[in-house]
Amino acid sequence: MACSKPVISTDLPTGVRSVNRHGITGLVVPPGEPYALADALNQLLSDNRLRAEFGDAARRQVEREFGADQMVSKTLEVYREVLG
């Protein structure tokens, strides 16, 4: 994402859902469905505009949510919460 590349991920009940946003930064497919994964890969491989659009959105999201300042701030927040 930081390299302006679209993402294909599986819909796991983890942090993946908050990082890759279906139809915005990439595509999300159901876990354990290889044909859905193949379809998503083929969709991105065959559509230059869509790859660029998702890649640009992915880069913006990384800059907005995962930059060094944001990560330091979020880490300090966790430390403060744990330490009371």
Protein backbone atom coordinates (compact mmCIF):
# COMPACT_ATOMS: atom_id res chain seq x y z
CA MET A 1 0.00 0.00 0.00
CA ALA A 2 2.85 2.37 0.82
CA CYS A 3 4.14 1.73 -2.71
CA SER A 4 0.79 2.72 -4.27
CA LYS A 5 -0.21 -0.88 -4.94
CA PRO A 6 -3.74 -2.23 -4.59
CA VAL A 7 -4.40 -4.99 -2.08
CA ILE A 8 -6.20 -8.29 -2.32
CA SER A 9 -6.96 -9.77 1.07
CA THR A 10 -9.29 -12.30 2.61
CA ASP A 11 -12.16 -11.29 4.85
CA LEU A 12 -10.73 -12.37 8.18
CA PRO A 13 -12.07 -11.15 11.54
CA THR A 14 -8.78 -9.41 12.29
CA GLY A 15 -7.19 -6.06 11.56
CA VAL A 16 -7.24 -6.86 7.85
CA ARG A 17 -10.74 -5.40 7.58
CA SER A 18 -9.56 -2.01 8.81
CA VAL A 19 -6.54 -1.88 6.51
CA ASN A 20 -7.83 -3.01 3.12
CA ARG A 21 -11.19 -1.48 2.24
CA HIS A 22 -13.05 -3.37 -0.46
CA GLY A 23 -13.59 -1.28 -3.55
CA ILE A 24 -11.44 1.56 -2.20
CA THR A 25 -7.89 0.34 -1.58
CA GLY A 26 -8.30 -3.08 -3.14
CA LEU A 27 -10.48 -6.16 -3.14
CA VAL A 28 -11.57 -8.45 -0.30
CA VAL A 29 -12.43 -12.08 -0.98
CA PRO A 30 -13.88 -14.78 1.27
CA PRO A 31 -11.30 -17.02 2.95
CA GLY A 32 -10.86 -20.48 1.48
CA GLU A 33 -12.28 -19.57 -1.92
CA PRO A 34 -9.48 -19.86 -4.48
CA TYR A 35 -11.77 -19.00 -7.40
CA ALA A 36 -12.74 -15.71 -5.75
CA LEU A 37 -9.05 -14.96 -5.25
CA ALA A 38 -8.32 -15.80 -8.89
CA ASP A 39 -11.19 -13.58 -10.03
CA ALA A 40 -9.89 -10.68 -7.94
CA LEU A 41 -6.37 -11.11 -9.31
CA ASN A 42 -7.66 -11.25 -12.87
CA GLN A 43 -9.83 -8.18 -12.31
CA LEU A 44 -6.85 -6.11 -11.19
CA LEU A 45 -4.53 -7.54 -13.83
CA SER A 46 -6.94 -6.62 -16.60
CA ASP A 47 -7.85 -3.09 -15.44
CA ASN A 48 -5.02 -0.54 -15.36
CA ARG A 49 -7.32 2.28 -14.24
CA LEU A 50 -8.71 0.29 -11.32
CA ARG A 51 -5.22 -0.76 -10.18
CA ALA A 52 -4.07 2.86 -10.25
CA GLU A 53 -7.21 4.09 -8.45
CA PHE A 54 -6.93 1.50 -5.67
CA GLY A 55 -3.16 2.00 -5.44
CA ASP A 56 -3.50 5.76 -5.06
CA ALA A 57 -6.17 5.32 -2.39
CA ALA A 58 -3.99 2.77 -0.61
CA ARG A 59 -1.05 5.18 -0.52
CA ARG A 60 -3.23 7.99 0.84
CA GLN A 61 -4.57 5.69 3.56
CA VAL A 62 -1.06 4.66 4.62
CA GLU A 63 0.02 8.29 4.80
CA ARG A 64 -3.10 9.27 6.76
CA GLU A 65 -3.33 6.33 9.18
CA PHE A 66 0.03 4.58 9.36
CA GLY A 67 2.69 7.27 9.19
CA ALA A 68 5.42 7.40 11.82
CA ASP A 69 3.69 10.16 13.81
CA GLN A 70 0.40 8.27 13.89
CA MET A 71 2.07 5.01 14.88
CA VAL A 72 4.05 6.66 17.71
CA SER A 73 0.91 8.38 18.97
CA LYS A 74 -1.11 5.14 18.90
CA THR A 75 1.68 3.23 20.64
CA LEU A 76 1.93 5.84 23.40
CA GLU A 77 -1.83 5.70 23.79
CA VAL A 78 -1.66 1.94 24.38
CA TYR A 79 1.16 2.39 26.92
CA ARG A 80 -0.83 5.03 28.80
CA GLU A 81 -3.89 2.79 28.86
CA VAL A 82 -1.91 -0.22 30.12
CA LEU A 83 -0.06 1.78 32.76
CA GLY A 84 -3.25 3.41 33.98
